[in-house]
Amino acid sequence: MTSRPALPTIIGIDLGTSNTAVSVVKDGKVSVLTNADGSRAIPSVVSFPHNAPPIVGAEARRRIATEPSRTVSSPKRLLGRKFTDREVQSFVGSAAYRTVAAPDGGVLVEIESESYAIPQLCGFILQAARSLAERHLKDVRLAVLAVPVSFDEVRCRAVEVAAKLAGLEVVGLIAEPNAAALANRYVPGFGGLVGVYDFGGGTFDFSIVDVSRSRFQVVASAGDAWLGGDDIDAVLSDAAANQFWRQHKVDLRKHAAELQRLRFACEEAKRALSTAETTRLEVKDVLRTAEGMVSLKLSLDRGTLTRAAGAIVRRSLEVADRAVAQAGIKPTDLTAVYLCGGSSQMPAVRDAVQKHFSVPLKAGVAPEQAVCVGAAIHGSLIAQRRSSPILAQRG
């Protein structure tokens, strides 16, 4: 009997603004791959120590507060964007590292005498993702990458360049909400006309997918490439910095290391308020005075966070409304809205989405893993030479 040739291994990668995750289908089961410490995500941060190779992930993230001028977080936000874009200028204007326009009009990050294009920085992150995969699998070369629906051809090409720099061959790209729909395919009750609300760290997407038949039909999609949980952290840190200014007449926004520590504290407080009604926002020793070191200490409750995040959440719903209008339906025509992306777990977000659509909210596959899982399933179908149940958007 002639044995069947082994199917190629194709990993799925969710290159996120805040975190990157890797998954694979093995023996018919999909799993998100774990780091040595058991975590399932690689912080999307690259740091450049003196006279040493770049560091990616959790250790790089810790260095944001100690070496901000040598550390770049969320490079996905700049991928394929022009240096002169208003959003790009706002983003790099608050960064501690130096940036200049690249010859092709993109962004170059300068660390001492070296210049790095944004695809290079994302390539370092994808290389870390590939290394993680190779801890669990044999030599990994093939990958499906999930991308926001707002990524145009230029930005998708930049993703492929980053993957090539990481030694990966991209065998497919899949829109992030579509990947989430694919991940939830076998969740009980998944059917009809569903909305996929994908609120990540730096991008927001909303897709309407008809899953009433064996082949899914993407009816409409809309996205905002500059909207995510990072923006909520920025609003919180700005409010905290204003209060510190009123008390001490020192603007923490002018001190890169202290500002990054404040951003970290705001992110932790935001996460804490997903399960608690109140929390403490504290950044130790942010100001040296004649009497000694001064710490920033604030009480924060869920209501305050809801108000702070209000404008950002409303922006996400305006994007969703564009997709609903494009589909020619009413919000209540949806069977359910499926949440994905880490930021969708905030009570303020869930409450606002529930009120806006008045249909059941679902979170079948873990929201922060759904996109990555769907990318791996898509890769498995490609490996088996089977067509994906996701059809292209009609119209």
Protein backbone atom coordinates (compact mmCIF):
# COMPACT_ATOMS: atom_id res chain seq x y z
CA MET A 1 0.00 0.00 0.00
CA THR A 2 1.36 3.42 -0.95
CA SER A 3 1.40 5.81 1.98
CA ARG A 4 0.03 9.29 1.55
CA PRO A 5 2.60 12.08 1.48
CA ALA A 6 2.66 14.14 4.66
CA LEU A 7 0.67 17.35 4.47
CA PRO A 8 2.71 20.55 4.74
CA THR A 9 2.54 22.33 8.09
CA ILE A 10 1.04 25.80 7.72
CA ILE A 11 0.92 27.95 10.83
CA GLY A 12 -1.59 30.74 11.43
CA ILE A 13 -0.29 34.07 12.71
CA ASP A 14 -2.23 36.97 14.16
CA LEU A 15 0.25 39.85 13.88
CA GLY A 16 -1.42 42.11 16.40
CA THR A 17 -0.75 45.72 17.28
CA SER A 18 -0.28 44.85 20.95
CA ASN A 19 0.38 41.09 20.84
CA THR A 20 1.18 38.45 18.24
CA ALA A 21 -0.01 34.85 18.46
CA VAL A 22 0.70 31.64 16.55
CA SER A 23 -1.51 28.60 16.08
CA VAL A 24 -1.53 25.34 14.14
CA VAL A 25 -3.86 22.48 13.28
CA LYS A 26 -2.29 19.18 14.28
CA ASP A 27 -4.02 15.79 14.11
CA GLY A 28 -7.30 17.55 13.43
CA LYS A 29 -7.06 19.81 16.49
CA VAL A 30 -6.23 23.49 16.50
CA SER A 31 -4.09 24.96 19.27
CA VAL A 32 -2.56 28.32 20.08
CA LEU A 33 1.13 27.70 20.73
CA THR A 34 2.62 28.62 24.10
CA ASN A 35 5.83 30.35 25.08
CA ALA A 36 8.23 28.80 27.59
CA ASP A 37 6.40 30.61 30.41
CA GLY A 38 3.02 29.23 29.31
CA SER A 39 1.77 32.49 27.80
CA ARG A 40 0.07 32.43 24.41
CA ALA A 41 1.11 35.80 23.08
CA ILE A 42 4.26 37.64 22.10
CA PRO A 43 4.12 41.37 22.87
CA SER A 44 4.58 43.18 19.56
CA VAL A 45 7.58 45.16 20.77
CA VAL A 46 11.18 45.29 19.48
CA SER A 47 14.08 46.68 21.51
CA PHE A 48 17.66 47.32 20.42
CA PRO A 49 20.24 46.87 23.21
CA HIS A 50 23.72 48.36 22.81
CA ASN A 51 25.98 46.08 20.76
CA ALA A 52 23.54 43.15 20.89
CA PRO A 53 20.89 41.59 18.65
CA PRO A 54 17.32 42.96 18.86
CA ILE A 55 15.02 41.67 21.58
CA VAL A 56 11.37 40.87 20.87
CA GLY A 57 8.43 40.18 23.17
CA ALA A 58 7.99 40.43 26.93
CA GLU A 59 11.59 41.46 27.68
CA ALA A 60 11.41 44.14 24.98
CA ARG A 61 8.16 45.41 26.45
CA ARG A 62 9.79 45.83 29.87
CA ARG A 63 12.47 47.95 28.25
CA ILE A 64 9.93 50.53 27.03
CA ALA A 65 10.05 52.13 30.46
CA THR A 66 13.86 51.95 30.83
CA GLU A 67 15.12 52.54 27.28
CA PRO A 68 12.24 54.17 25.41
CA SER A 69 14.52 55.69 22.74
CA ARG A 70 15.73 52.20 21.77
CA THR A 71 12.37 50.38 21.90
CA VAL A 72 9.52 50.33 19.38
CA SER A 73 6.03 49.12 20.25
CA SER A 74 3.04 48.61 17.94
CA PRO A 75 4.96 48.89 14.64
CA LYS A 76 1.94 47.36 12.87
CA ARG A 77 0.25 50.76 13.14
CA LEU A 78 2.91 52.21 10.83
CA LEU A 79 3.10 49.28 8.41
CA GLY A 80 2.55 50.46 4.84
CA ARG A 81 1.70 53.99 5.95
CA LYS A 82 3.20 57.22 4.61
CA PHE A 83 5.41 59.25 6.93
CA THR A 84 3.37 62.36 6.12
CA ASP A 85 0.01 60.80 7.10
CA ARG A 86 -1.67 62.78 9.86
CA GLU A 87 -2.14 59.74 12.10
CA VAL A 88 1.46 58.66 11.56
CA GLN A 89 2.76 62.09 12.50
CA SER A 90 0.66 62.06 15.66
CA PHE A 91 1.95 58.59 16.56
CA VAL A 92 5.65 59.20 15.94
CA GLY A 93 5.43 62.68 17.42
CA SER A 94 4.88 61.19 20.87
CA ALA A 95 7.51 58.46 20.43
CA ALA A 96 10.84 58.60 22.25
CA TYR A 97 12.77 57.24 19.25
CA ARG A 98 13.64 59.27 16.15
CA THR A 99 11.81 58.77 12.86
CA VAL A 100 12.38 60.11 9.34
CA ALA A 101 10.78 59.61 5.96
CA ALA A 102 12.01 56.58 4.01
CA PRO A 103 12.97 56.94 0.32
CA ASP A 104 9.64 55.29 -0.62
CA GLY A 105 7.70 57.72 1.58
CA GLY A 106 7.23 55.28 4.44
CA VAL A 107 8.66 55.48 7.96
CA LEU A 108 12.22 54.81 9.07
CA VAL A 109 13.04 54.39 12.76
CA GLU A 110 16.53 55.53 13.69
CA ILE A 111 18.34 53.87 16.61
CA GLU A 112 21.80 55.40 17.01
CA SER A 113 23.45 55.04 13.57
CA GLU A 114 21.07 52.36 12.26
CA SER A 115 17.82 52.86 10.36
CA TYR A 116 14.99 50.31 10.34
CA ALA A 117 12.04 50.22 7.96
CA ILE A 118 8.71 49.24 9.51
CA PRO A 119 8.55 45.89 7.62
CA GLN A 120 11.93 45.08 9.21
CA LEU A 121 10.54 45.72 12.68
CA CYS A 122 7.47 43.60 11.97
CA GLY A 123 9.81 41.02 10.50
CA PHE A 124 11.61 40.72 13.84
CA ILE A 125 8.24 40.05 15.50
CA LEU A 126 7.28 37.45 12.88
CA GLN A 127 10.70 35.84 13.32
CA ALA A 128 9.90 35.48 17.02
CA ALA A 129 6.56 33.94 16.06
CA ARG A 130 8.32 31.49 13.75
CA SER A 131 10.83 30.59 16.48
CA LEU A 132 7.94 29.95 18.87
CA ALA A 133 6.34 27.64 16.31
CA GLU A 134 9.60 25.77 15.86
CA ARG A 135 9.71 25.05 19.60
CA HIS A 136 6.64 22.88 19.01
CA LEU A 137 7.03 21.82 15.36
CA LYS A 138 9.74 20.95 12.87
CA ASP A 139 11.13 23.49 10.44
CA VAL A 140 8.40 26.08 9.83
CA ARG A 141 8.28 27.93 6.51
CA LEU A 142 4.64 28.32 5.49
CA ALA A 143 2.12 30.66 7.11
CA VAL A 144 -1.30 32.24 6.80
CA LEU A 145 -1.41 35.76 8.21
CA ALA A 146 -4.52 37.57 9.37
CA VAL A 147 -4.83 41.23 8.37
CA PRO A 148 -7.35 43.97 9.21
CA VAL A 149 -10.08 44.54 6.62
CA SER A 150 -8.85 48.13 6.32
CA PHE A 151 -5.47 46.97 4.93
CA ASP A 152 -5.24 47.87 1.26
CA GLU A 153 -2.94 46.22 -1.30
CA VAL A 154 0.04 48.32 -0.21
CA ARG A 155 -0.32 47.37 3.44
CA CYS A 156 -0.93 43.69 2.63
CA ARG A 157 2.22 43.71 0.50
CA ALA A 158 4.12 45.19 3.45
CA VAL A 159 2.90 42.30 5.62
CA GLU A 160 4.24 39.85 3.05
CA VAL A 161 7.60 41.65 2.96
CA ALA A 162 7.83 41.44 6.76
CA ALA A 163 7.05 37.71 6.61
CA LYS A 164 9.71 37.15 3.93
CA LEU A 165 12.29 38.89 6.13
CA ALA A 166 11.33 36.40 8.86
CA GLY A 167 11.95 33.48 6.53
CA LEU A 168 8.26 32.75 6.03
CA GLU A 169 6.35 32.12 2.85
CA VAL A 170 2.84 33.57 3.00
CA VAL A 171 0.49 31.05 1.42
CA GLY A 172 -2.59 33.10 2.27
CA LEU A 173 -3.92 36.27 3.86
CA ILE A 174 -7.28 36.28 5.63
CA ALA A 175 -9.21 39.26 6.96
CA GLU A 176 -9.23 39.23 10.76
CA PRO A 177 -13.04 39.18 11.24
CA ASN A 178 -13.32 36.42 8.64
CA ALA A 179 -10.75 34.40 10.54
CA ALA A 180 -12.79 34.89 13.71
CA ALA A 181 -15.92 33.67 11.91
CA LEU A 182 -14.03 30.60 10.71
CA ALA A 183 -12.82 29.92 14.27
CA ASN A 184 -16.39 30.03 15.59
CA ARG A 185 -17.77 27.82 12.83
CA TYR A 186 -18.50 24.85 15.11
CA VAL A 187 -19.60 26.79 18.19
CA PRO A 188 -23.15 25.69 19.11
CA GLY A 189 -25.73 28.20 17.86
CA PHE A 190 -23.42 29.73 15.26
CA GLY A 191 -25.66 30.41 12.29
CA GLY A 192 -27.70 32.91 10.33
CA LEU A 193 -26.43 36.41 9.64
CA VAL A 194 -23.72 37.26 12.17
CA GLY A 195 -21.76 40.37 12.94
CA VAL A 196 -18.08 40.01 13.93
CA TYR A 197 -16.94 42.87 16.15
CA ASP A 198 -13.13 42.76 16.24
CA PHE A 199 -11.68 45.31 18.64
CA GLY A 200 -7.94 44.81 19.01
CA GLY A 201 -5.08 46.82 20.43
CA GLY A 202 -4.67 49.11 17.44
CA THR A 203 -7.27 48.29 14.79
CA PHE A 204 -11.02 47.81 14.65
CA ASP A 205 -12.96 45.77 12.09
CA PHE A 206 -16.59 44.82 11.70
CA SER A 207 -17.85 42.21 9.24
CA ILE A 208 -21.30 40.86 8.48
CA VAL A 209 -21.17 37.21 7.44
CA ASP A 210 -23.99 35.00 6.21
CA VAL A 211 -23.27 31.60 7.79
CA SER A 212 -26.65 30.07 7.06
CA ARG A 213 -25.13 27.67 4.50
CA SER A 214 -22.02 25.51 4.37
CA ARG A 215 -20.16 28.27 2.51
CA PHE A 216 -19.92 31.55 4.40
CA GLN A 217 -20.70 34.71 2.46
CA VAL A 218 -19.05 37.92 3.63
CA VAL A 219 -21.84 40.42 3.08
CA ALA A 220 -20.09 43.61 4.18
CA SER A 221 -16.97 44.78 6.02
CA ALA A 222 -15.67 48.06 7.39
CA GLY A 223 -12.62 48.94 9.44
CA ASP A 224 -10.57 51.65 11.09
CA ALA A 225 -6.82 51.04 11.01
CA TRP A 226 -6.26 53.63 13.75
CA LEU A 227 -8.68 52.61 16.46
CA GLY A 228 -8.07 50.20 19.31
CA GLY A 229 -7.48 49.53 22.97
CA ASP A 230 -4.19 51.45 22.85
CA ASP A 231 -6.26 54.61 22.30
CA ILE A 232 -8.18 53.96 25.52
CA ASP A 233 -4.87 53.62 27.38
CA ALA A 234 -3.79 56.94 25.87
CA VAL A 235 -6.97 58.71 27.01
CA LEU A 236 -6.57 57.34 30.55
CA SER A 237 -2.89 58.29 30.75
CA ASP A 238 -3.65 61.78 29.44
CA ALA A 239 -6.31 62.28 32.14
CA ALA A 240 -3.94 60.97 34.83
CA ALA A 241 -1.12 63.21 33.58
CA ASN A 242 -3.47 66.21 33.71
CA GLN A 243 -4.36 65.46 37.32
CA PHE A 244 -0.68 65.03 38.23
CA TRP A 245 0.04 68.39 36.59
CA ARG A 246 -2.65 70.08 38.64
CA GLN A 247 -1.15 68.66 41.84
CA HIS A 248 2.57 69.05 41.14
CA LYS A 249 2.94 71.33 38.07
CA VAL A 250 4.98 68.66 36.28
CA ASP A 251 3.86 67.29 32.90
CA LEU A 252 4.67 63.58 32.75
CA ARG A 253 4.03 63.63 28.99
CA LYS A 254 7.36 65.42 28.58
CA HIS A 255 9.24 62.59 30.30
CA ALA A 256 9.38 59.54 28.00
CA ALA A 257 10.20 56.86 30.58
CA GLU A 258 7.64 58.08 33.12
CA LEU A 259 4.97 58.40 30.44
CA GLN A 260 5.52 54.80 29.36
CA ARG A 261 5.28 53.61 32.95
CA LEU A 262 2.01 55.54 33.23
CA ARG A 263 0.72 53.90 30.02
CA PHE A 264 1.53 50.46 31.45
CA ALA A 265 -0.30 51.28 34.66
CA CYS A 266 -3.35 52.49 32.70
CA GLU A 267 -3.41 49.29 30.65
CA GLU A 268 -3.24 47.18 33.82
CA ALA A 269 -6.01 49.24 35.43
CA LYS A 270 -8.18 48.85 32.32
CA ARG A 271 -7.74 45.07 32.44
CA ALA A 272 -8.46 44.98 36.18
CA LEU A 273 -11.74 46.84 35.66
CA SER A 274 -12.94 44.07 33.35
CA THR A 275 -13.56 42.01 36.49
CA ALA A 276 -13.54 44.55 39.34
CA GLU A 277 -15.63 47.67 39.96
CA THR A 278 -12.69 49.72 41.28
CA THR A 279 -8.92 49.60 41.11
CA ARG A 280 -5.85 51.60 42.03
CA LEU A 281 -3.77 53.35 39.38
CA GLU A 282 -0.27 53.74 40.77
CA VAL A 283 3.11 54.65 39.30
CA LYS A 284 5.85 54.72 41.91
CA ASP A 285 8.54 57.39 42.14
CA VAL A 286 7.72 59.44 39.05
CA LEU A 287 8.97 62.76 40.48
CA ARG A 288 11.99 63.69 42.58
CA THR A 289 11.47 66.61 44.98
CA ALA A 290 13.42 68.14 47.84
CA GLU A 291 11.27 66.10 50.21
CA GLY A 292 11.89 62.84 48.32
CA MET A 293 10.26 60.80 45.58
CA VAL A 294 6.61 61.34 44.67
CA SER A 295 4.37 58.61 43.28
CA LEU A 296 1.23 58.97 41.18
CA LYS A 297 -1.73 57.39 42.96
CA LEU A 298 -5.30 57.53 41.72
CA SER A 299 -8.48 55.59 42.36
CA LEU A 300 -10.25 54.46 39.20
CA ASP A 301 -13.70 52.94 38.89
CA ARG A 302 -15.52 51.27 36.04
CA GLY A 303 -17.80 54.26 35.49
CA THR A 304 -14.82 56.59 34.98
CA LEU A 305 -13.30 54.15 32.49
CA THR A 306 -16.61 53.90 30.64
CA ARG A 307 -16.77 57.69 30.27
CA ALA A 308 -13.11 57.89 29.21
CA ALA A 309 -13.59 55.19 26.58
CA GLY A 310 -16.95 56.51 25.40
CA ALA A 311 -15.80 58.42 22.31
CA ILE A 312 -13.56 55.56 21.17
CA VAL A 313 -16.31 52.96 21.56
CA ARG A 314 -18.73 55.23 19.67
CA ARG A 315 -16.22 55.43 16.82
CA SER A 316 -16.21 51.64 16.64
CA LEU A 317 -19.98 51.57 16.42
CA GLU A 318 -19.93 54.17 13.63
CA VAL A 319 -17.64 51.83 11.68
CA ALA A 320 -20.03 48.95 12.36
CA ASP A 321 -22.93 51.09 11.13
CA ARG A 322 -21.10 51.62 7.84
CA ALA A 323 -20.97 47.86 7.33
CA VAL A 324 -24.65 47.53 8.25
CA ALA A 325 -25.58 50.25 5.75
CA GLN A 326 -23.40 48.61 3.10
CA ALA A 327 -25.26 45.33 3.68
CA GLY A 328 -28.63 47.07 3.38
CA ILE A 329 -29.95 45.63 6.64
CA LYS A 330 -31.00 46.82 10.10
CA PRO A 331 -28.84 46.00 13.17
CA THR A 332 -31.65 43.84 14.54
CA ASP A 333 -31.52 41.68 11.38
CA LEU A 334 -28.37 40.08 12.76
CA THR A 335 -28.65 36.70 14.48
CA ALA A 336 -25.86 37.60 16.91
CA VAL A 337 -22.71 39.67 17.25
CA TYR A 338 -19.52 37.73 17.98
CA LEU A 339 -16.84 39.55 19.94
CA CYS A 340 -13.15 39.12 19.24
CA GLY A 341 -10.01 41.04 20.07
CA GLY A 342 -8.77 41.67 23.60
CA SER A 343 -10.42 45.10 23.89
CA SER A 344 -13.87 43.61 23.27
CA GLN A 345 -13.76 42.08 26.75
CA MET A 346 -14.20 45.45 28.45
CA PRO A 347 -17.65 45.69 30.11
CA ALA A 348 -18.03 49.20 28.65
CA VAL A 349 -17.56 47.78 25.16
CA ARG A 350 -19.88 44.81 25.67
CA ASP A 351 -22.61 47.00 27.15
CA ALA A 352 -22.37 49.53 24.33
CA VAL A 353 -22.46 46.85 21.62
CA GLN A 354 -25.40 45.10 23.26
CA LYS A 355 -27.36 48.35 23.51
CA HIS A 356 -26.51 49.36 19.94
CA PHE A 357 -27.49 46.12 18.21
CA SER A 358 -30.09 44.66 20.61
CA VAL A 359 -29.16 41.12 19.51
CA PRO A 360 -27.34 38.38 21.47
CA LEU A 361 -23.62 38.91 22.09
CA LYS A 362 -21.45 35.83 21.73
CA ALA A 363 -17.84 35.01 22.52
CA GLY A 364 -17.48 31.38 21.47
CA VAL A 365 -13.75 30.96 20.91
CA ALA A 366 -11.76 33.09 23.37
CA PRO A 367 -11.92 36.63 21.87
CA GLU A 368 -8.17 37.24 22.05
CA GLN A 369 -7.45 33.93 20.26
CA ALA A 370 -10.24 33.72 17.65
CA VAL A 371 -8.35 35.45 14.82
CA CYS A 372 -5.24 33.33 15.34
CA VAL A 373 -7.28 30.12 15.50
CA GLY A 374 -9.12 31.02 12.30
CA ALA A 375 -5.85 31.72 10.50
CA ALA A 376 -4.59 28.24 11.42
CA ILE A 377 -7.82 26.62 10.22
CA HIS A 378 -7.49 28.51 6.93
CA GLY A 379 -3.91 27.23 6.65
CA SER A 380 -5.01 23.66 7.31
CA LEU A 381 -7.59 23.88 4.52
CA ILE A 382 -4.93 25.15 2.14
CA ALA A 383 -2.62 22.29 3.15
CA GLN A 384 -5.41 19.81 2.39
CA ARG A 385 -6.14 21.63 -0.88
CA ARG A 386 -9.66 22.18 0.31
CA SER A 387 -11.53 25.40 -0.35
CA SER A 388 -12.27 27.69 2.55
CA PRO A 389 -15.91 28.05 3.61
CA ILE A 390 -15.32 31.81 3.56
CA LEU A 391 -16.38 33.31 0.23
CA ALA A 392 -15.25 36.68 -1.00
CA GLN A 393 -17.39 39.67 -0.16
CA ARG A 394 -20.17 40.02 -2.66
CA GLY A 395 -20.60 43.19 -4.63
